[in-house]
PDB file of all heavy atoms in Angstrom:
ATOM      1  N   GLU A   1      85.966 100.456  88.420  1.00  0.00           N
ATOM      2  CA  GLU A   1      86.852  99.990  89.544  1.00  0.00           C
ATOM      3  C   GLU A   1      88.281 100.217  89.282  1.00  0.00           C
ATOM      4  O   GLU A   1      88.761 100.033  88.157  1.00  0.00           O
ATOM      5  CB  GLU A   1      86.518  98.586  89.861  1.00  0.00           C
ATOM      6  CG  GLU A   1      87.003  98.081  91.195  1.00  0.00           C
ATOM      7  CD  GLU A   1      86.123  98.679  92.312  1.00  0.00           C
ATOM      8  OE1 GLU A   1      84.994  98.151  92.536  1.00  0.00           O
ATOM      9  OE2 GLU A   1      86.570  99.709  92.963  1.00  0.00           O
ATOM     10  N   ASN A   2      89.099 100.614  90.320  1.00  0.00           N
ATOM     11  CA  ASN A   2      90.545 100.819  90.243  1.00  0.00           C
ATOM     12  C   ASN A   2      91.162  99.748  91.031  1.00  0.00           C
ATOM     13  O   ASN A   2      90.841  99.455  92.188  1.00  0.00           O
ATOM     14  CB  ASN A   2      90.960 102.123  90.681  1.00  0.00           C
ATOM     15  CG  ASN A   2      90.654 103.276  89.690  1.00  0.00           C
ATOM     16  OD1 ASN A   2      90.332 102.986  88.561  1.00  0.00           O
ATOM     17  ND2 ASN A   2      90.820 104.540  90.108  1.00  0.00           N
ATOM     18  N   VAL A   3      92.267  99.159  90.526  1.00  0.00           N
ATOM     19  CA  VAL A   3      93.090  98.165  91.222  1.00  0.00           C
ATOM     20  C   VAL A   3      94.516  98.528  90.976  1.00  0.00           C
ATOM     21  O   VAL A   3      94.984  98.711  89.919  1.00  0.00           O
ATOM     22  CB  VAL A   3      92.652  96.685  90.724  1.00  0.00           C
ATOM     23  CG1 VAL A   3      93.625  95.731  91.504  1.00  0.00           C
ATOM     24  CG2 VAL A   3      91.225  96.409  90.930  1.00  0.00           C
ATOM     25  N   LEU A   4      95.325  98.412  92.074  1.00  0.00           N
ATOM     26  CA  LEU A   4      96.669  98.596  91.937  1.00  0.00           C
ATOM     27  C   LEU A   4      97.367  97.293  92.336  1.00  0.00           C
ATOM     28  O   LEU A   4      97.138  96.738  93.447  1.00  0.00           O
ATOM     29  CB  LEU A   4      97.176  99.711  92.965  1.00  0.00           C
ATOM     30  CG  LEU A   4      98.711  99.993  93.036  1.00  0.00           C
ATOM     31  CD1 LEU A   4      99.390 100.341  91.798  1.00  0.00           C
ATOM     32  CD2 LEU A   4      98.963 101.063  94.020  1.00  0.00           C
ATOM     33  N   PHE A   5      98.363  96.825  91.533  1.00  0.00           N
ATOM     34  CA  PHE A   5      98.976  95.566  91.802  1.00  0.00           C
ATOM     35  C   PHE A   5     100.486  95.751  91.773  1.00  0.00           C
ATOM     36  O   PHE A   5     101.120  96.224  90.765  1.00  0.00           O
ATOM     37  CB  PHE A   5      98.606  94.566  90.698  1.00  0.00           C
ATOM     38  CG  PHE A   5      99.307  93.233  90.869  1.00  0.00           C
ATOM     39  CD1 PHE A   5      99.289  92.532  92.007  1.00  0.00           C
ATOM     40  CD2 PHE A   5      99.918  92.699  89.712  1.00  0.00           C
ATOM     41  CE1 PHE A   5     100.028  91.284  92.132  1.00  0.00           C
ATOM     42  CE2 PHE A   5     100.574  91.452  89.822  1.00  0.00           C
ATOM     43  CZ  PHE A   5     100.679  90.713  91.045  1.00  0.00           C
ATOM     44  N   PHE A   6     101.232  95.371  92.809  1.00  0.00           N
ATOM     45  CA  PHE A   6     102.628  95.372  92.878  1.00  0.00           C
ATOM     46  C   PHE A   6     103.105  93.926  92.585  1.00  0.00           C
ATOM     47  O   PHE A   6     102.966  92.976  93.416  1.00  0.00           O
ATOM     48  CB  PHE A   6     103.175  95.770  94.252  1.00  0.00           C
ATOM     49  CG  PHE A   6     103.051  97.303  94.581  1.00  0.00           C
ATOM     50  CD1 PHE A   6     101.832  97.775  95.109  1.00  0.00           C
ATOM     51  CD2 PHE A   6     104.052  98.130  94.207  1.00  0.00           C
ATOM     52  CE1 PHE A   6     101.724  99.176  95.252  1.00  0.00           C
ATOM     53  CE2 PHE A   6     103.995  99.497  94.465  1.00  0.00           C
ATOM     54  CZ  PHE A   6     102.865 100.024  94.954  1.00  0.00           C
ATOM     55  N   SER A   7     103.704  93.752  91.431  1.00  0.00           N
ATOM     56  CA  SER A   7     104.053  92.342  90.923  1.00  0.00           C
ATOM     57  C   SER A   7     105.306  91.839  91.443  1.00  0.00           C
ATOM     58  O   SER A   7     105.499  90.635  91.306  1.00  0.00           O
ATOM     59  CB  SER A   7     104.040  92.431  89.391  1.00  0.00           C
ATOM     60  OG  SER A   7     105.065  93.364  88.921  1.00  0.00           O
ATOM     61  N   ASN A   8     106.287  92.678  91.892  1.00  0.00           N
ATOM     62  CA  ASN A   8     107.538  92.139  92.369  1.00  0.00           C
ATOM     63  C   ASN A   8     107.438  91.290  93.586  1.00  0.00           C
ATOM     64  O   ASN A   8     106.788  91.816  94.603  1.00  0.00           O
ATOM     65  CB  ASN A   8     108.524  93.227  92.535  1.00  0.00           C
ATOM     66  CG  ASN A   8     109.933  92.859  92.540  1.00  0.00           C
ATOM     67  OD1 ASN A   8     110.247  92.059  93.458  1.00  0.00           O
ATOM     68  ND2 ASN A   8     110.854  93.470  91.846  1.00  0.00           N
ATOM     69  N   PRO A   9     107.941  90.017  93.653  1.00  0.00           N
ATOM     70  CA  PRO A   9     107.838  89.158  94.815  1.00  0.00           C
ATOM     71  C   PRO A   9     108.605  89.661  96.058  1.00  0.00           C
ATOM     72  O   PRO A   9     108.303  89.326  97.157  1.00  0.00           O
ATOM     73  CB  PRO A   9     108.347  87.833  94.349  1.00  0.00           C
ATOM     74  CG  PRO A   9     109.275  88.117  93.196  1.00  0.00           C
ATOM     75  CD  PRO A   9     108.624  89.375  92.525  1.00  0.00           C
ATOM     76  N   TYR A  10     109.459  90.743  95.789  1.00  0.00           N
ATOM     77  CA  TYR A  10     110.317  91.202  96.924  1.00  0.00           C
ATOM     78  C   TYR A  10     109.838  92.522  97.374  1.00  0.00           C
ATOM     79  O   TYR A  10     110.699  93.434  97.744  1.00  0.00           O
ATOM     80  CB  TYR A  10     111.712  91.264  96.441  1.00  0.00           C
ATOM     81  CG  TYR A  10     112.370  89.951  96.062  1.00  0.00           C
ATOM     82  CD1 TYR A  10     112.476  89.592  94.707  1.00  0.00           C
ATOM     83  CD2 TYR A  10     112.598  88.953  96.956  1.00  0.00           C
ATOM     84  CE1 TYR A  10     113.015  88.385  94.317  1.00  0.00           C
ATOM     85  CE2 TYR A  10     113.077  87.700  96.664  1.00  0.00           C
ATOM     86  CZ  TYR A  10     113.287  87.345  95.278  1.00  0.00           C
ATOM     87  OH  TYR A  10     113.758  86.179  94.922  1.00  0.00           O
ATOM     88  N   VAL A  11     108.553  92.855  97.257  1.00  0.00           N
ATOM     89  CA  VAL A  11     107.892  94.005  97.821  1.00  0.00           C
ATOM     90  C   VAL A  11     107.185  93.763  99.094  1.00  0.00           C
ATOM     91  O   VAL A  11     106.621  92.722  99.348  1.00  0.00           O
ATOM     92  CB  VAL A  11     107.083  94.781  96.788  1.00  0.00           C
ATOM     93  CG1 VAL A  11     105.772  93.912  96.532  1.00  0.00           C
ATOM     94  CG2 VAL A  11     106.758  96.131  97.032  1.00  0.00           C
ATOM     95  N   LYS A  12     107.257  94.774  99.966  1.00  0.00           N
ATOM     96  CA  LYS A  12     106.431  94.733 101.183  1.00  0.00           C
ATOM     97  C   LYS A  12     105.742  96.102 101.305  1.00  0.00           C
ATOM     98  O   LYS A  12     106.383  97.108 101.295  1.00  0.00           O
ATOM     99  CB  LYS A  12     107.439  94.496 102.387  1.00  0.00           C
ATOM    100  CG  LYS A  12     106.569  94.424 103.731  1.00  0.00           C
ATOM    101  CD  LYS A  12     107.558  94.066 104.899  1.00  0.00           C
ATOM    102  CE  LYS A  12     106.822  93.936 106.109  1.00  0.00           C
ATOM    103  NZ  LYS A  12     107.722  93.622 107.245  1.00  0.00           N
ATOM    104  N   LEU A  13     104.429  96.049 101.457  1.00  0.00           N
ATOM    105  CA  LEU A  13     103.622  97.309 101.558  1.00  0.00           C
ATOM    106  C   LEU A  13     103.343  97.671 102.897  1.00  0.00           C
ATOM    107  O   LEU A  13     102.741  96.897 103.683  1.00  0.00           O
ATOM    108  CB  LEU A  13     102.339  96.979 100.790  1.00  0.00           C
ATOM    109  CG  LEU A  13     102.465  96.527  99.238  1.00  0.00           C
ATOM    110  CD1 LEU A  13     101.128  96.372  98.666  1.00  0.00           C
ATOM    111  CD2 LEU A  13     103.328  97.547  98.433  1.00  0.00           C
ATOM    112  N   LYS A  14     103.526  98.881 103.208  1.00  0.00           N
ATOM    113  CA  LYS A  14     103.070  99.534 104.472  1.00  0.00           C
ATOM    114  C   LYS A  14     102.375 100.778 104.159  1.00  0.00           C
ATOM    115  O   LYS A  14     102.877 101.918 104.276  1.00  0.00           O
ATOM    116  CB  LYS A  14     104.365  99.784 105.368  1.00  0.00           C
ATOM    117  CG  LYS A  14     105.120  98.619 105.875  1.00  0.00           C
ATOM    118  CD  LYS A  14     106.219  98.925 106.762  1.00  0.00           C
ATOM    119  CE  LYS A  14     106.931  97.723 107.306  1.00  0.00           C
ATOM    120  NZ  LYS A  14     108.008  98.045 108.287  1.00  0.00           N
ATOM    121  N   LEU A  15     101.072 100.546 103.764  1.00  0.00           N
ATOM    122  CA  LEU A  15     100.262 101.699 103.297  1.00  0.00           C
ATOM    123  C   LEU A  15      99.116 101.838 104.095  1.00  0.00           C
ATOM    124  O   LEU A  15      98.475 100.928 104.673  1.00  0.00           O
ATOM    125  CB  LEU A  15      99.773 101.296 101.770  1.00  0.00           C
ATOM    126  CG  LEU A  15     100.957 100.997 100.833  1.00  0.00           C
ATOM    127  CD1 LEU A  15     100.294 100.591  99.525  1.00  0.00           C
ATOM    128  CD2 LEU A  15     101.842 102.232 100.581  1.00  0.00           C
ATOM    129  N   THR A  16      98.562 103.100 104.192  1.00  0.00           N
ATOM    130  CA  THR A  16      97.355 103.549 104.830  1.00  0.00           C
ATOM    131  C   THR A  16      96.328 103.834 103.731  1.00  0.00           C
ATOM    132  O   THR A  16      96.511 104.713 102.992  1.00  0.00           O
ATOM    133  CB  THR A  16      97.519 104.727 105.714  1.00  0.00           C
ATOM    134  OG1 THR A  16      98.646 104.559 106.728  1.00  0.00           O
ATOM    135  CG2 THR A  16      96.170 105.025 106.441  1.00  0.00           C
ATOM    136  N   LEU A  17      95.354 102.861 103.639  1.00  0.00           N
ATOM    137  CA  LEU A  17      94.453 102.859 102.518  1.00  0.00           C
ATOM    138  C   LEU A  17      93.010 103.114 103.029  1.00  0.00           C
ATOM    139  O   LEU A  17      92.691 102.803 104.229  1.00  0.00           O
ATOM    140  CB  LEU A  17      94.598 101.592 101.666  1.00  0.00           C
ATOM    141  CG  LEU A  17      95.971 101.306 101.158  1.00  0.00           C
ATOM    142  CD1 LEU A  17      96.035  99.887 100.582  1.00  0.00           C
ATOM    143  CD2 LEU A  17      96.362 102.359 100.120  1.00  0.00           C
ATOM    144  N   GLY A  18      92.148 103.549 102.115  1.00  0.00           N
ATOM    145  CA  GLY A  18      90.692 103.588 102.335  1.00  0.00           C
ATOM    146  C   GLY A  18      90.057 102.327 101.951  1.00  0.00           C
ATOM    147  O   GLY A  18      90.606 101.458 101.302  1.00  0.00           O
ATOM    148  N   VAL A  19      88.676 102.252 102.238  1.00  0.00           N
ATOM    149  CA  VAL A  19      87.924 101.068 101.858  1.00  0.00           C
ATOM    150  C   VAL A  19      87.918 100.826 100.382  1.00  0.00           C
ATOM    151  O   VAL A  19      87.909  99.657  99.891  1.00  0.00           O
ATOM    152  CB  VAL A  19      86.521 101.219 102.388  1.00  0.00           C
ATOM    153  CG1 VAL A  19      85.601 100.008 102.092  1.00  0.00           C
ATOM    154  CG2 VAL A  19      86.476 101.369 103.898  1.00  0.00           C
ATOM    155  N   ASN A  20      87.908 101.753  99.613  1.00  0.00           N
ATOM    156  CA  ASN A  20      87.805 101.670  98.117  1.00  0.00           C
ATOM    157  C   ASN A  20      89.201 101.565  97.439  1.00  0.00           C
ATOM    158  O   ASN A  20      89.217 101.629  96.149  1.00  0.00           O
ATOM    159  CB  ASN A  20      86.991 102.857  97.560  1.00  0.00           C
ATOM    160  CG  ASN A  20      85.519 102.702  97.982  1.00  0.00           C
ATOM    161  OD1 ASN A  20      84.976 101.625  98.072  1.00  0.00           O
ATOM    162  ND2 ASN A  20      84.866 103.955  98.168  1.00  0.00           N
ATOM    163  N   ASN A  21      90.171 101.627  98.144  1.00  0.00           N
ATOM    164  CA  ASN A  21      91.644 101.519  97.637  1.00  0.00           C
ATOM    165  C   ASN A  21      91.926  99.957  97.600  1.00  0.00           C
ATOM    166  O   ASN A  21      92.271  99.347  98.626  1.00  0.00           O
ATOM    167  CB  ASN A  21      92.522 102.139  98.443  1.00  0.00           C
ATOM    168  CG  ASN A  21      92.295 103.707  98.517  1.00  0.00           C
ATOM    169  OD1 ASN A  21      92.407 104.294  99.603  1.00  0.00           O
ATOM    170  ND2 ASN A  21      91.917 104.336  97.335  1.00  0.00           N
ATOM    171  N   HIS A  22      91.894  99.443  96.352  1.00  0.00           N
ATOM    172  CA  HIS A  22      92.167  98.032  96.212  1.00  0.00           C
ATOM    173  C   HIS A  22      93.749  97.841  95.716  1.00  0.00           C
ATOM    174  O   HIS A  22      93.952  98.046  94.543  1.00  0.00           O
ATOM    175  CB  HIS A  22      91.182  97.374  95.176  1.00  0.00           C
ATOM    176  CG  HIS A  22      89.825  97.601  95.457  1.00  0.00           C
ATOM    177  ND1 HIS A  22      89.183  97.107  96.596  1.00  0.00           N
ATOM    178  CD2 HIS A  22      88.853  98.297  94.842  1.00  0.00           C
ATOM    179  CE1 HIS A  22      87.920  97.560  96.603  1.00  0.00           C
ATOM    180  NE2 HIS A  22      87.748  98.192  95.596  1.00  0.00           N
ATOM    181  N   VAL A  23      94.527  97.408  96.679  1.00  0.00           N
ATOM    182  CA  VAL A  23      95.965  97.295  96.468  1.00  0.00           C
ATOM    183  C   VAL A  23      96.363  95.972  96.844  1.00  0.00           C
ATOM    184  O   VAL A  23      96.076  95.457  97.849  1.00  0.00           O
ATOM    185  CB  VAL A  23      96.732  98.419  97.179  1.00  0.00           C
ATOM    186  CG1 VAL A  23      98.289  98.209  96.869  1.00  0.00           C
ATOM    187  CG2 VAL A  23      96.301  99.837  96.864  1.00  0.00           C
ATOM    188  N   PHE A  24      97.164  95.255  95.849  1.00  0.00           N
ATOM    189  CA  PHE A  24      97.604  93.860  96.121  1.00  0.00           C
ATOM    190  C   PHE A  24      99.029  93.704  95.763  1.00  0.00           C
ATOM    191  O   PHE A  24      99.526  94.385  94.930  1.00  0.00           O
ATOM    192  CB  PHE A  24      96.661  92.896  95.287  1.00  0.00           C
ATOM    193  CG  PHE A  24      95.273  93.027  95.507  1.00  0.00           C
ATOM    194  CD1 PHE A  24      94.470  93.795  94.704  1.00  0.00           C
ATOM    195  CD2 PHE A  24      94.642  92.315  96.602  1.00  0.00           C
ATOM    196  CE1 PHE A  24      93.108  93.852  94.828  1.00  0.00           C
ATOM    197  CE2 PHE A  24      93.324  92.366  96.816  1.00  0.00           C
ATOM    198  CZ  PHE A  24      92.516  93.105  95.918  1.00  0.00           C
ATOM    199  N   SER A  25      99.615  92.784  96.488  1.00  0.00           N
ATOM    200  CA  SER A  25     101.014  92.393  96.161  1.00  0.00           C
ATOM    201  C   SER A  25     101.170  90.942  95.843  1.00  0.00           C
ATOM    202  O   SER A  25     102.204  90.441  95.602  1.00  0.00           O
ATOM    203  CB  SER A  25     102.047  92.888  97.316  1.00  0.00           C
ATOM    204  OG  SER A  25     101.640  92.201  98.452  1.00  0.00           O
ATOM    205  N   ASP A  26     100.031  90.198  95.884  1.00  0.00           N
ATOM    206  CA  ASP A  26      99.970  88.761  95.756  1.00  0.00           C
ATOM    207  C   ASP A  26      99.061  88.539  94.598  1.00  0.00           C
ATOM    208  O   ASP A  26      97.926  88.967  94.441  1.00  0.00           O
ATOM    209  CB  ASP A  26      99.430  88.077  97.012  1.00  0.00           C
ATOM    210  CG  ASP A  26      99.406  86.537  96.837  1.00  0.00           C
ATOM    211  OD1 ASP A  26     100.416  85.879  97.134  1.00  0.00           O
ATOM    212  OD2 ASP A  26      98.270  86.058  96.360  1.00  0.00           O
ATOM    213  N   ARG A  27      99.596  87.820  93.548  1.00  0.00           N
ATOM    214  CA  ARG A  27      98.884  87.526  92.330  1.00  0.00           C
ATOM    215  C   ARG A  27      97.579  86.806  92.642  1.00  0.00           C
ATOM    216  O   ARG A  27      96.533  87.136  92.001  1.00  0.00           O
ATOM    217  CB  ARG A  27      99.722  86.718  91.477  1.00  0.00           C
ATOM    218  CG  ARG A  27      99.131  86.490  89.993  1.00  0.00           C
ATOM    219  CD  ARG A  27      99.725  85.445  89.288  1.00  0.00           C
ATOM    220  NE  ARG A  27     101.190  85.462  89.241  1.00  0.00           N
ATOM    221  CZ  ARG A  27     101.829  84.352  88.779  1.00  0.00           C
ATOM    222  NH1 ARG A  27     101.342  83.259  88.386  1.00  0.00           N
ATOM    223  NH2 ARG A  27     103.263  84.359  88.766  1.00  0.00           N
ATOM    224  N   SER A  28      97.578  85.837  93.498  1.00  0.00           N
ATOM    225  CA  SER A  28      96.368  85.103  93.687  1.00  0.00           C
ATOM    226  C   SER A  28      95.304  85.960  94.418  1.00  0.00           C
ATOM    227  O   SER A  28      94.093  85.801  94.068  1.00  0.00           O
ATOM    228  CB  SER A  28      96.682  83.870  94.733  1.00  0.00           C
ATOM    229  OG  SER A  28      97.597  83.021  94.087  1.00  0.00           O
ATOM    230  N   GLU A  29      95.774  86.817  95.298  1.00  0.00           N
ATOM    231  CA  GLU A  29      94.707  87.718  95.925  1.00  0.00           C
ATOM    232  C   GLU A  29      94.048  88.615  94.926  1.00  0.00           C
ATOM    233  O   GLU A  29      92.867  88.964  94.894  1.00  0.00           O
ATOM    234  CB  GLU A  29      95.329  88.512  96.983  1.00  0.00           C
ATOM    235  CG  GLU A  29      95.705  87.747  98.221  1.00  0.00           C
ATOM    236  CD  GLU A  29      96.355  88.663  99.303  1.00  0.00           C
ATOM    237  OE1 GLU A  29      96.489  89.809  99.024  1.00  0.00           O
ATOM    238  OE2 GLU A  29      96.698  88.084 100.351  1.00  0.00           O
ATOM    239  N   LEU A  30      94.788  89.159  93.937  1.00  0.00           N
ATOM    240  CA  LEU A  30      94.393  89.921  92.874  1.00  0.00           C
ATOM    241  C   LEU A  30      93.391  89.168  91.947  1.00  0.00           C
ATOM    242  O   LEU A  30      92.238  89.743  91.685  1.00  0.00           O
ATOM    243  CB  LEU A  30      95.482  90.433  92.034  1.00  0.00           C
ATOM    244  CG  LEU A  30      95.029  91.160  90.681  1.00  0.00           C
ATOM    245  CD1 LEU A  30      94.312  92.472  90.975  1.00  0.00           C
ATOM    246  CD2 LEU A  30      96.313  91.492  89.872  1.00  0.00           C
ATOM    247  N   ILE A  31      93.721  88.017  91.568  1.00  0.00           N
ATOM    248  CA  ILE A  31      92.850  87.173  90.732  1.00  0.00           C
ATOM    249  C   ILE A  31      91.569  86.881  91.435  1.00  0.00           C
ATOM    250  O   ILE A  31      90.498  86.865  90.793  1.00  0.00           O
ATOM    251  CB  ILE A  31      93.641  85.894  90.311  1.00  0.00           C
ATOM    252  CG1 ILE A  31      94.762  86.342  89.400  1.00  0.00           C
ATOM    253  CG2 ILE A  31      92.616  84.898  89.591  1.00  0.00           C
ATOM    254  CD1 ILE A  31      95.760  85.100  89.085  1.00  0.00           C
ATOM    255  N   ASN A  32      91.669  86.481  92.683  1.00  0.00           N
ATOM    256  CA  ASN A  32      90.411  86.180  93.424  1.00  0.00           C
ATOM    257  C   ASN A  32      89.527  87.400  93.584  1.00  0.00           C
ATOM    258  O   ASN A  32      88.253  87.272  93.514  1.00  0.00           O
ATOM    259  CB  ASN A  32      90.802  85.664  94.889  1.00  0.00           C
ATOM    260  CG  ASN A  32      91.399  84.255  94.672  1.00  0.00           C
ATOM    261  OD1 ASN A  32      91.203  83.584  93.796  1.00  0.00           O
ATOM    262  ND2 ASN A  32      92.203  83.867  95.814  1.00  0.00           N
ATOM    263  N   PHE A  33      90.104  88.556  93.806  1.00  0.00           N
ATOM    264  CA  PHE A  33      89.353  89.754  93.882  1.00  0.00           C
ATOM    265  C   PHE A  33      88.566  90.077  92.613  1.00  0.00           C
ATOM    266  O   PHE A  33      87.381  90.337  92.672  1.00  0.00           O
ATOM    267  CB  PHE A  33      90.219  91.031  94.203  1.00  0.00           C
ATOM    268  CG  PHE A  33      89.515  92.312  94.169  1.00  0.00           C
ATOM    269  CD1 PHE A  33      88.746  92.781  95.248  1.00  0.00           C
ATOM    270  CD2 PHE A  33      89.672  93.155  92.992  1.00  0.00           C
ATOM    271  CE1 PHE A  33      88.068  93.947  95.103  1.00  0.00           C
ATOM    272  CE2 PHE A  33      89.019  94.296  92.915  1.00  0.00           C
ATOM    273  CZ  PHE A  33      88.227  94.748  93.970  1.00  0.00           C
TER     274      PHE A  33
END
């Protein structure tokens, strides 16, 4: 499995992703995933 995490709290993502693209900018969301 591949996971991409943006750790900076001052980032805002405007991305077009697929179902299997797991991208997070919130630490809790990443940990829960």
